[in-house]
Each structure stands twice: as structure tokens, then as C-alpha cells.
Amino acid sequence: AKNTLYLQMSSVKPEDTAMYYCAAIPGRGCGTLSLDMNWVR
């Protein structure tokens, strides 16, 4: 309803340090493959 996506991060570690980006991928389904940058590109 608010067109908002969230990421709750807990027990964070130093290796979590990064720039975090939100993405919207249309028309290609959604699954573990969606996390593959080669597929995304």
C-alpha cells in the first residue's frame, strides 16, 4: 500500500559494511536467481 520495501538487519557484522541498493526487476519472475547479478544484468 505504501510502495515501500524494507530490509531488517540484525546481528550485523563488520563485513556487512557496504552501500545497499534497492532494485526493481520487472517481468522476469522472482527467485534465488534474482540475486545473481549476471542474471540481473
All heavy atoms as atom14 arrays in JSON, in Angstrom:
{
  "sequence": "AKNTLYLQMSSVKPEDTAMYYCAAIPGRGCGTLSLDMNWVR",
  "atom14_mask": [
    [1, 1, 1, 1, 1, 0, 0, 0, 0, 0, 0, 0, 0, 0],
    [1, 1, 1, 1, 1, 1, 1, 1, 1, 0, 0, 0, 0, 0],
    [1, 1, 1, 1, 1, 1, 1, 1, 0, 0, 0, 0, 0, 0],
    [1, 1, 1, 1, 1, 1, 1, 0, 0, 0, 0, 0, 0, 0],
    [1, 1, 1, 1, 1, 1, 1, 1, 0, 0, 0, 0, 0, 0],
    [1, 1, 1, 1, 1, 1, 1, 1, 1, 1, 1, 1, 0, 0],
    [1, 1, 1, 1, 1, 1, 1, 1, 0, 0, 0, 0, 0, 0],
    [1, 1, 1, 1, 1, 1, 1, 1, 1, 0, 0, 0, 0, 0],
    [1, 1, 1, 1, 1, 1, 1, 1, 0, 0, 0, 0, 0, 0],
    [1, 1, 1, 1, 1, 1, 0, 0, 0, 0, 0, 0, 0, 0],
    [1, 1, 1, 1, 1, 1, 0, 0, 0, 0, 0, 0, 0, 0],
    [1, 1, 1, 1, 1, 1, 1, 0, 0, 0, 0, 0, 0, 0],
    [1, 1, 1, 1, 1, 1, 1, 1, 1, 0, 0, 0, 0, 0],
    [1, 1, 1, 1, 1, 1, 1, 0, 0, 0, 0, 0, 0, 0],
    [1, 1, 1, 1, 1, 1, 1, 1, 1, 0, 0, 0, 0, 0],
    [1, 1, 1, 1, 1, 1, 1, 1, 0, 0, 0, 0, 0, 0],
    [1, 1, 1, 1, 1, 1, 1, 0, 0, 0, 0, 0, 0, 0],
    [1, 1, 1, 1, 1, 0, 0, 0, 0, 0, 0, 0, 0, 0],
    [1, 1, 1, 1, 1, 1, 1, 1, 0, 0, 0, 0, 0, 0],
    [1, 1, 1, 1, 1, 1, 1, 1, 1, 1, 1, 1, 0, 0],
    [1, 1, 1, 1, 1, 1, 1, 1, 1, 1, 1, 1, 0, 0],
    [1, 1, 1, 1, 1, 1, 0, 0, 0, 0, 0, 0, 0, 0],
    [1, 1, 1, 1, 1, 0, 0, 0, 0, 0, 0, 0, 0, 0],
    [1, 1, 1, 1, 1, 0, 0, 0, 0, 0, 0, 0, 0, 0],
    [1, 1, 1, 1, 1, 1, 1, 1, 0, 0, 0, 0, 0, 0],
    [1, 1, 1, 1, 1, 1, 1, 0, 0, 0, 0, 0, 0, 0],
    [1, 1, 1, 1, 0, 0, 0, 0, 0, 0, 0, 0, 0, 0],
    [1, 1, 1, 1, 1, 1, 1, 1, 1, 1, 1, 0, 0, 0],
    [1, 1, 1, 1, 0, 0, 0, 0, 0, 0, 0, 0, 0, 0],
    [1, 1, 1, 1, 1, 1, 0, 0, 0, 0, 0, 0, 0, 0],
    [1, 1, 1, 1, 0, 0, 0, 0, 0, 0, 0, 0, 0, 0],
    [1, 1, 1, 1, 1, 1, 1, 0, 0, 0, 0, 0, 0, 0],
    [1, 1, 1, 1, 1, 1, 1, 1, 0, 0, 0, 0, 0, 0],
    [1, 1, 1, 1, 1, 1, 0, 0, 0, 0, 0, 0, 0, 0],
    [1, 1, 1, 1, 1, 1, 1, 1, 0, 0, 0, 0, 0, 0],
    [1, 1, 1, 1, 1, 1, 1, 1, 0, 0, 0, 0, 0, 0],
    [1, 1, 1, 1, 1, 1, 1, 1, 0, 0, 0, 0, 0, 0],
    [1, 1, 1, 1, 1, 1, 1, 1, 0, 0, 0, 0, 0, 0],
    [1, 1, 1, 1, 1, 1, 1, 1, 1, 1, 1, 1, 1, 1],
    [1, 1, 1, 1, 1, 1, 1, 0, 0, 0, 0, 0, 0, 0],
    [1, 1, 1, 1, 1, 1, 1, 1, 1, 1, 1, 0, 0, 0]
  ],
  "atom14_positions": [
    [[0.82, -1.21, 0.0], [0.0, 0.0, 0.0], [0.85, 1.26, 0.0], [0.45, 2.28, -0.55], [-0.95, 0.0, 1.19], [0.0, 0.0, 0.0], [0.0, 0.0, 0.0], [0.0, 0.0, 0.0], [0.0, 0.0, 0.0], [0.0, 0.0, 0.0], [0.0, 0.0, 0.0], [0.0, 0.0, 0.0], [0.0, 0.0, 0.0], [0.0, 0.0, 0.0]],
    [[2.02, 1.19, 0.62], [2.91, 2.33, 0.7], [4.03, 2.28, -0.33], [4.88, 3.17, -0.37], [3.53, 2.43, 2.1], [2.52, 2.67, 3.2], [3.2, 2.75, 4.55], [2.19, 3.0, 5.65], [2.84, 3.06, 7.0], [0.0, 0.0, 0.0], [0.0, 0.0, 0.0], [0.0, 0.0, 0.0], [0.0, 0.0, 0.0], [0.0, 0.0, 0.0]],
    [[4.02, 1.24, -1.16], [5.07, 1.06, -2.16], [6.46, 1.16, -1.53], [7.35, 1.85, -2.04], [4.93, 2.07, -3.3], [3.88, 1.69, -4.31], [3.25, 0.64, -4.21], [3.66, 2.54, -5.29], [0.0, 0.0, 0.0], [0.0, 0.0, 0.0], [0.0, 0.0, 0.0], [0.0, 0.0, 0.0], [0.0, 0.0, 0.0], [0.0, 0.0, 0.0]],
    [[6.63, 0.47, -0.43], [7.88, 0.54, 0.32], [8.42, -0.85, 0.6], [7.68, -1.76, 0.98], [7.68, 1.29, 1.65], [7.18, 2.61, 1.38], [8.99, 1.4, 2.4], [0.0, 0.0, 0.0], [0.0, 0.0, 0.0], [0.0, 0.0, 0.0], [0.0, 0.0, 0.0], [0.0, 0.0, 0.0], [0.0, 0.0, 0.0], [0.0, 0.0, 0.0]],
    [[9.71, -0.98, 0.41], [10.43, -2.22, 0.67], [11.35, -2.0, 1.87], [11.93, -0.92, 2.02], [11.26, -2.62, -0.55], [11.99, -3.96, -0.51], [11.0, -5.11, -0.65], [13.04, -4.01, -1.62], [0.0, 0.0, 0.0], [0.0, 0.0, 0.0], [0.0, 0.0, 0.0], [0.0, 0.0, 0.0], [0.0, 0.0, 0.0], [0.0, 0.0, 0.0]],
    [[11.49, -3.01, 2.72], [12.31, -2.9, 3.91], [13.34, -4.02, 3.98], [13.15, -5.11, 3.44], [11.46, -2.98, 5.18], [10.35, -1.96, 5.26], [9.05, -2.29, 4.89], [10.61, -0.67, 5.7], [8.03, -1.36, 4.96], [9.59, 0.27, 5.77], [8.31, -0.08, 5.4], [7.3, 0.85, 5.47], [0.0, 0.0, 0.0], [0.0, 0.0, 0.0]],
    [[14.43, -3.72, 4.65], [15.42, -4.74, 4.98], [15.77, -4.57, 6.45], [16.39, -3.58, 6.84], [16.68, -4.6, 4.12], [17.74, -5.68, 4.36], [17.23, -7.04, 3.87], [19.05, -5.33, 3.67], [0.0, 0.0, 0.0], [0.0, 0.0, 0.0], [0.0, 0.0, 0.0], [0.0, 0.0, 0.0], [0.0, 0.0, 0.0], [0.0, 0.0, 0.0]],
    [[15.34, -5.53, 7.26], [15.68, -5.54, 8.67], [17.0, -6.28, 8.85], [17.09, -7.46, 8.54], [14.57, -6.2, 9.49], [14.85, -6.25, 10.99], [14.89, -4.88, 11.62], [13.99, -4.07, 11.4], [15.92, -4.6, 12.39], [0.0, 0.0, 0.0], [0.0, 0.0, 0.0], [0.0, 0.0, 0.0], [0.0, 0.0, 0.0], [0.0, 0.0, 0.0]],
    [[17.99, -5.57, 9.34], [19.31, -6.14, 9.54], [19.55, -6.32, 11.04], [19.42, -5.36, 11.81], [20.39, -5.23, 8.95], [20.16, -4.87, 7.49], [21.26, -3.55, 6.89], [22.86, -4.32, 7.11], [0.0, 0.0, 0.0], [0.0, 0.0, 0.0], [0.0, 0.0, 0.0], [0.0, 0.0, 0.0], [0.0, 0.0, 0.0], [0.0, 0.0, 0.0]],
    [[19.9, -7.51, 11.44], [20.18, -7.79, 12.84], [21.5, -8.53, 12.96], [21.99, -9.12, 12.0], [19.04, -8.61, 13.48], [18.89, -9.85, 12.83], [0.0, 0.0, 0.0], [0.0, 0.0, 0.0], [0.0, 0.0, 0.0], [0.0, 0.0, 0.0], [0.0, 0.0, 0.0], [0.0, 0.0, 0.0], [0.0, 0.0, 0.0], [0.0, 0.0, 0.0]],
    [[22.07, -8.49, 14.16], [23.36, -9.13, 14.41], [24.37, -8.78, 13.33], [25.07, -9.64, 12.8], [23.19, -10.65, 14.51], [22.28, -11.01, 15.53], [0.0, 0.0, 0.0], [0.0, 0.0, 0.0], [0.0, 0.0, 0.0], [0.0, 0.0, 0.0], [0.0, 0.0, 0.0], [0.0, 0.0, 0.0], [0.0, 0.0, 0.0], [0.0, 0.0, 0.0]],
    [[24.45, -7.51, 13.03], [25.31, -7.07, 11.93], [26.77, -7.3, 12.25], [27.19, -7.29, 13.41], [25.06, -5.59, 11.58], [23.64, -5.4, 11.07], [25.32, -4.69, 12.78], [0.0, 0.0, 0.0], [0.0, 0.0, 0.0], [0.0, 0.0, 0.0], [0.0, 0.0, 0.0], [0.0, 0.0, 0.0], [0.0, 0.0, 0.0], [0.0, 0.0, 0.0]],
    [[27.54, -7.5, 11.2], [28.97, -7.77, 11.3], [29.73, -6.73, 10.48], [29.17, -6.12, 9.58], [29.27, -9.17, 10.77], [28.5, -10.28, 11.45], [28.79, -11.62, 10.78], [28.01, -12.74, 11.45], [28.27, -14.04, 10.79], [0.0, 0.0, 0.0], [0.0, 0.0, 0.0], [0.0, 0.0, 0.0], [0.0, 0.0, 0.0], [0.0, 0.0, 0.0]],
    [[31.01, -6.54, 10.79], [31.81, -5.59, 10.01], [31.78, -5.87, 8.52], [31.81, -4.94, 7.71], [33.21, -5.76, 10.59], [32.98, -6.16, 12.0], [31.77, -7.07, 11.95], [0.0, 0.0, 0.0], [0.0, 0.0, 0.0], [0.0, 0.0, 0.0], [0.0, 0.0, 0.0], [0.0, 0.0, 0.0], [0.0, 0.0, 0.0], [0.0, 0.0, 0.0]],
    [[31.7, -7.14, 8.13], [31.67, -7.49, 6.72], [30.36, -7.11, 6.04], [30.24, -7.23, 4.82], [31.95, -8.98, 6.51], [31.09, -9.9, 7.36], [31.8, -10.37, 8.62], [32.45, -9.54, 9.28], [31.71, -11.57, 8.94], [0.0, 0.0, 0.0], [0.0, 0.0, 0.0], [0.0, 0.0, 0.0], [0.0, 0.0, 0.0], [0.0, 0.0, 0.0]],
    [[29.38, -6.65, 6.81], [28.13, -6.16, 6.24], [28.28, -4.72, 5.75], [27.36, -4.19, 5.12], [26.99, -6.23, 7.25], [26.61, -7.66, 7.61], [26.66, -8.53, 6.73], [26.26, -7.9, 8.78], [0.0, 0.0, 0.0], [0.0, 0.0, 0.0], [0.0, 0.0, 0.0], [0.0, 0.0, 0.0], [0.0, 0.0, 0.0], [0.0, 0.0, 0.0]],
    [[29.39, -4.1, 6.06], [29.63, -2.73, 5.63], [29.62, -2.65, 4.11], [30.37, -3.34, 3.43], [30.97, -2.23, 6.16], [30.93, -2.18, 7.59], [31.28, -0.83, 5.64], [0.0, 0.0, 0.0], [0.0, 0.0, 0.0], [0.0, 0.0, 0.0], [0.0, 0.0, 0.0], [0.0, 0.0, 0.0], [0.0, 0.0, 0.0], [0.0, 0.0, 0.0]],
    [[28.75, -1.8, 3.57], [28.61, -1.68, 2.13], [27.59, -0.6, 1.81], [26.88, -0.1, 2.7], [28.16, -3.0, 1.5], [0.0, 0.0, 0.0], [0.0, 0.0, 0.0], [0.0, 0.0, 0.0], [0.0, 0.0, 0.0], [0.0, 0.0, 0.0], [0.0, 0.0, 0.0], [0.0, 0.0, 0.0], [0.0, 0.0, 0.0], [0.0, 0.0, 0.0]],
    [[27.52, -0.24, 0.55], [26.43, 0.58, 0.06], [25.31, -0.38, -0.31], [25.53, -1.32, -1.08], [26.87, 1.4, -1.15], [25.8, 2.34, -1.68], [25.52, 3.77, -0.61], [26.97, 4.76, -1.02], [0.0, 0.0, 0.0], [0.0, 0.0, 0.0], [0.0, 0.0, 0.0], [0.0, 0.0, 0.0], [0.0, 0.0, 0.0], [0.0, 0.0, 0.0]],
    [[24.14, -0.14, 0.24], [23.0, -1.0, -0.02], [22.06, -0.36, -1.03], [21.63, 0.78, -0.84], [22.26, -1.31, 1.28], [22.98, -2.34, 2.12], [24.15, -2.02, 2.78], [22.49, -3.64, 2.23], [24.83, -2.97, 3.53], [23.15, -4.59, 2.99], [24.33, -4.25, 3.63], [25.0, -5.19, 4.38], [0.0, 0.0, 0.0], [0.0, 0.0, 0.0]],
    [[21.73, -1.11, -2.07], [20.89, -0.62, -3.14], [19.57, -1.37, -3.22], [19.54, -2.59, -3.06], [21.6, -0.77, -4.49], [22.88, 0.02, -4.63], [24.1, -0.55, -4.3], [22.85, 1.33, -5.1], [25.28, 0.17, -4.44], [24.03, 2.05, -5.24], [25.24, 1.46, -4.91], [26.41, 2.18, -5.05], [0.0, 0.0, 0.0], [0.0, 0.0, 0.0]],
    [[18.54, -0.64, -3.49], [17.24, -1.22, -3.75], [17.09, -1.41, -5.26], [17.6, -0.61, -6.04], [16.14, -0.29, -3.21], [14.45, -0.87, -3.47], [0.0, 0.0, 0.0], [0.0, 0.0, 0.0], [0.0, 0.0, 0.0], [0.0, 0.0, 0.0], [0.0, 0.0, 0.0], [0.0, 0.0, 0.0], [0.0, 0.0, 0.0], [0.0, 0.0, 0.0]],
    [[16.42, -2.47, -5.66], [16.23, -2.75, -7.07], [14.8, -3.2, -7.36], [14.16, -3.84, -6.53], [17.21, -3.82, -7.55], [0.0, 0.0, 0.0], [0.0, 0.0, 0.0], [0.0, 0.0, 0.0], [0.0, 0.0, 0.0], [0.0, 0.0, 0.0], [0.0, 0.0, 0.0], [0.0, 0.0, 0.0], [0.0, 0.0, 0.0], [0.0, 0.0, 0.0]],
    [[14.33, -2.86, -8.53], [13.04, -3.32, -9.02], [13.25, -3.98, -10.36], [13.77, -3.37, -11.28], [12.06, -2.15, -9.14], [0.0, 0.0, 0.0], [0.0, 0.0, 0.0], [0.0, 0.0, 0.0], [0.0, 0.0, 0.0], [0.0, 0.0, 0.0], [0.0, 0.0, 0.0], [0.0, 0.0, 0.0], [0.0, 0.0, 0.0], [0.0, 0.0, 0.0]],
    [[12.85, -5.23, -10.46], [13.07, -6.03, -11.66], [11.73, -6.45, -12.23], [11.01, -7.23, -11.6], [13.93, -7.26, -11.35], [15.22, -6.85, -10.64], [14.24, -8.04, -12.61], [16.0, -8.0, -10.05], [0.0, 0.0, 0.0], [0.0, 0.0, 0.0], [0.0, 0.0, 0.0], [0.0, 0.0, 0.0], [0.0, 0.0, 0.0], [0.0, 0.0, 0.0]],
    [[11.37, -5.95, -13.4], [10.05, -6.24, -13.95], [10.0, -7.46, -14.86], [10.93, -7.72, -15.62], [9.73, -4.98, -14.75], [11.07, -4.53, -15.24], [12.05, -4.89, -14.15], [0.0, 0.0, 0.0], [0.0, 0.0, 0.0], [0.0, 0.0, 0.0], [0.0, 0.0, 0.0], [0.0, 0.0, 0.0], [0.0, 0.0, 0.0], [0.0, 0.0, 0.0]],
    [[8.92, -8.21, -14.75], [8.56, -9.19, -15.75], [9.41, -10.43, -15.92], [9.27, -11.12, -16.92], [0.0, 0.0, 0.0], [0.0, 0.0, 0.0], [0.0, 0.0, 0.0], [0.0, 0.0, 0.0], [0.0, 0.0, 0.0], [0.0, 0.0, 0.0], [0.0, 0.0, 0.0], [0.0, 0.0, 0.0], [0.0, 0.0, 0.0], [0.0, 0.0, 0.0]],
    [[10.28, -10.74, -14.96], [11.14, -11.91, -15.11], [11.01, -12.91, -13.97], [11.87, -13.78, -13.8], [12.6, -11.47, -15.24], [12.92, -10.77, -16.54], [14.42, -10.6, -16.7], [14.94, -9.48, -15.93], [16.23, -9.32, -15.6], [17.12, -10.24, -15.96], [16.61, -8.25, -14.93], [0.0, 0.0, 0.0], [0.0, 0.0, 0.0], [0.0, 0.0, 0.0]],
    [[9.95, -12.8, -13.22], [9.76, -13.68, -12.09], [10.63, -13.28, -10.92], [11.32, -12.27, -10.94], [0.0, 0.0, 0.0], [0.0, 0.0, 0.0], [0.0, 0.0, 0.0], [0.0, 0.0, 0.0], [0.0, 0.0, 0.0], [0.0, 0.0, 0.0], [0.0, 0.0, 0.0], [0.0, 0.0, 0.0], [0.0, 0.0, 0.0], [0.0, 0.0, 0.0]],
    [[10.59, -14.1, -9.89], [11.35, -13.8, -8.68], [11.75, -15.09, -8.0], [10.92, -15.98, -7.78], [10.51, -12.94, -7.73], [11.46, -12.01, -6.52], [0.0, 0.0, 0.0], [0.0, 0.0, 0.0], [0.0, 0.0, 0.0], [0.0, 0.0, 0.0], [0.0, 0.0, 0.0], [0.0, 0.0, 0.0], [0.0, 0.0, 0.0], [0.0, 0.0, 0.0]],
    [[13.01, -15.21, -7.67], [13.53, -16.39, -7.01], [14.98, -16.18, -6.65], [15.49, -15.06, -6.69], [0.0, 0.0, 0.0], [0.0, 0.0, 0.0], [0.0, 0.0, 0.0], [0.0, 0.0, 0.0], [0.0, 0.0, 0.0], [0.0, 0.0, 0.0], [0.0, 0.0, 0.0], [0.0, 0.0, 0.0], [0.0, 0.0, 0.0], [0.0, 0.0, 0.0]],
    [[15.65, -17.26, -6.3], [17.06, -17.15, -5.92], [17.9, -16.61, -7.07], [18.92, -15.96, -6.84], [17.61, -18.5, -5.45], [17.41, -19.49, -6.48], [16.9, -18.96, -4.19], [0.0, 0.0, 0.0], [0.0, 0.0, 0.0], [0.0, 0.0, 0.0], [0.0, 0.0, 0.0], [0.0, 0.0, 0.0], [0.0, 0.0, 0.0], [0.0, 0.0, 0.0]],
    [[17.46, -16.88, -8.3], [18.19, -16.39, -9.46], [18.19, -14.87, -9.51], [19.08, -14.26, -10.1], [17.6, -16.98, -10.74], [18.44, -16.86, -12.02], [19.77, -17.57, -11.85], [17.66, -17.44, -13.19], [0.0, 0.0, 0.0], [0.0, 0.0, 0.0], [0.0, 0.0, 0.0], [0.0, 0.0, 0.0], [0.0, 0.0, 0.0], [0.0, 0.0, 0.0]],
    [[17.19, -14.25, -8.89], [17.08, -12.8, -8.88], [18.23, -12.14, -8.13], [18.44, -10.94, -8.27], [15.75, -12.37, -8.26], [14.65, -12.97, -8.93], [0.0, 0.0, 0.0], [0.0, 0.0, 0.0], [0.0, 0.0, 0.0], [0.0, 0.0, 0.0], [0.0, 0.0, 0.0], [0.0, 0.0, 0.0], [0.0, 0.0, 0.0], [0.0, 0.0, 0.0]],
    [[18.95, -12.91, -7.34], [20.09, -12.39, -6.57], [21.4, -12.52, -7.34], [22.44, -12.05, -6.87], [20.21, -13.13, -5.24], [18.98, -13.05, -4.32], [19.19, -13.91, -3.09], [18.71, -11.61, -3.93], [0.0, 0.0, 0.0], [0.0, 0.0, 0.0], [0.0, 0.0, 0.0], [0.0, 0.0, 0.0], [0.0, 0.0, 0.0], [0.0, 0.0, 0.0]],
    [[21.34, -13.14, -8.48], [22.51, -13.34, -9.33], [22.69, -12.12, -10.22], [21.86, -11.86, -11.09], [22.34, -14.6, -10.16], [23.58, -14.97, -10.97], [24.41, -14.09, -11.26], [23.7, -16.15, -11.33], [0.0, 0.0, 0.0], [0.0, 0.0, 0.0], [0.0, 0.0, 0.0], [0.0, 0.0, 0.0], [0.0, 0.0, 0.0], [0.0, 0.0, 0.0]],
    [[23.76, -11.38, -10.02], [23.97, -10.17, -10.79], [24.1, -10.44, -12.28], [23.73, -9.59, -13.1], [25.2, -9.41, -10.28], [24.94, -8.57, -9.05], [23.68, -7.28, -9.32], [24.41, -6.35, -10.67], [0.0, 0.0, 0.0], [0.0, 0.0, 0.0], [0.0, 0.0, 0.0], [0.0, 0.0, 0.0], [0.0, 0.0, 0.0], [0.0, 0.0, 0.0]],
    [[24.63, -11.59, -12.65], [24.72, -11.94, -14.07], [23.34, -12.05, -14.7], [23.13, -11.63, -15.84], [25.49, -13.24, -14.25], [26.96, -13.09, -13.94], [27.56, -12.04, -14.18], [27.56, -14.15, -13.41], [0.0, 0.0, 0.0], [0.0, 0.0, 0.0], [0.0, 0.0, 0.0], [0.0, 0.0, 0.0], [0.0, 0.0, 0.0], [0.0, 0.0, 0.0]],
    [[22.4, -12.6, -13.95], [21.02, -12.68, -14.43], [20.37, -11.31, -14.44], [19.68, -10.94, -15.39], [20.23, -13.65, -13.54], [18.78, -13.76, -13.92], [18.23, -14.56, -14.87], [17.69, -13.04, -13.34], [16.88, -14.38, -14.92], [16.51, -13.45, -13.99], [17.6, -12.08, -12.32], [15.26, -12.94, -13.66], [16.35, -11.58, -12.0], [15.2, -12.01, -12.67]],
    [[20.59, -10.55, -13.39], [20.0, -9.22, -13.29], [20.41, -8.35, -14.47], [19.59, -7.65, -15.06], [20.4, -8.54, -11.97], [19.96, -7.08, -11.95], [19.8, -9.29, -10.79], [0.0, 0.0, 0.0], [0.0, 0.0, 0.0], [0.0, 0.0, 0.0], [0.0, 0.0, 0.0], [0.0, 0.0, 0.0], [0.0, 0.0, 0.0], [0.0, 0.0, 0.0]],
    [[21.67, -8.41, -14.83], [22.21, -7.57, -15.9], [21.7, -7.94, -17.29], [21.85, -7.15, -18.22], [23.73, -7.65, -15.89], [24.38, -6.92, -14.72], [25.78, -7.42, -14.46], [26.57, -7.49, -15.67], [27.68, -8.21, -15.81], [28.12, -8.95, -14.79], [28.35, -8.2, -16.95], [0.0, 0.0, 0.0], [0.0, 0.0, 0.0], [0.0, 0.0, 0.0]]
  ]
}
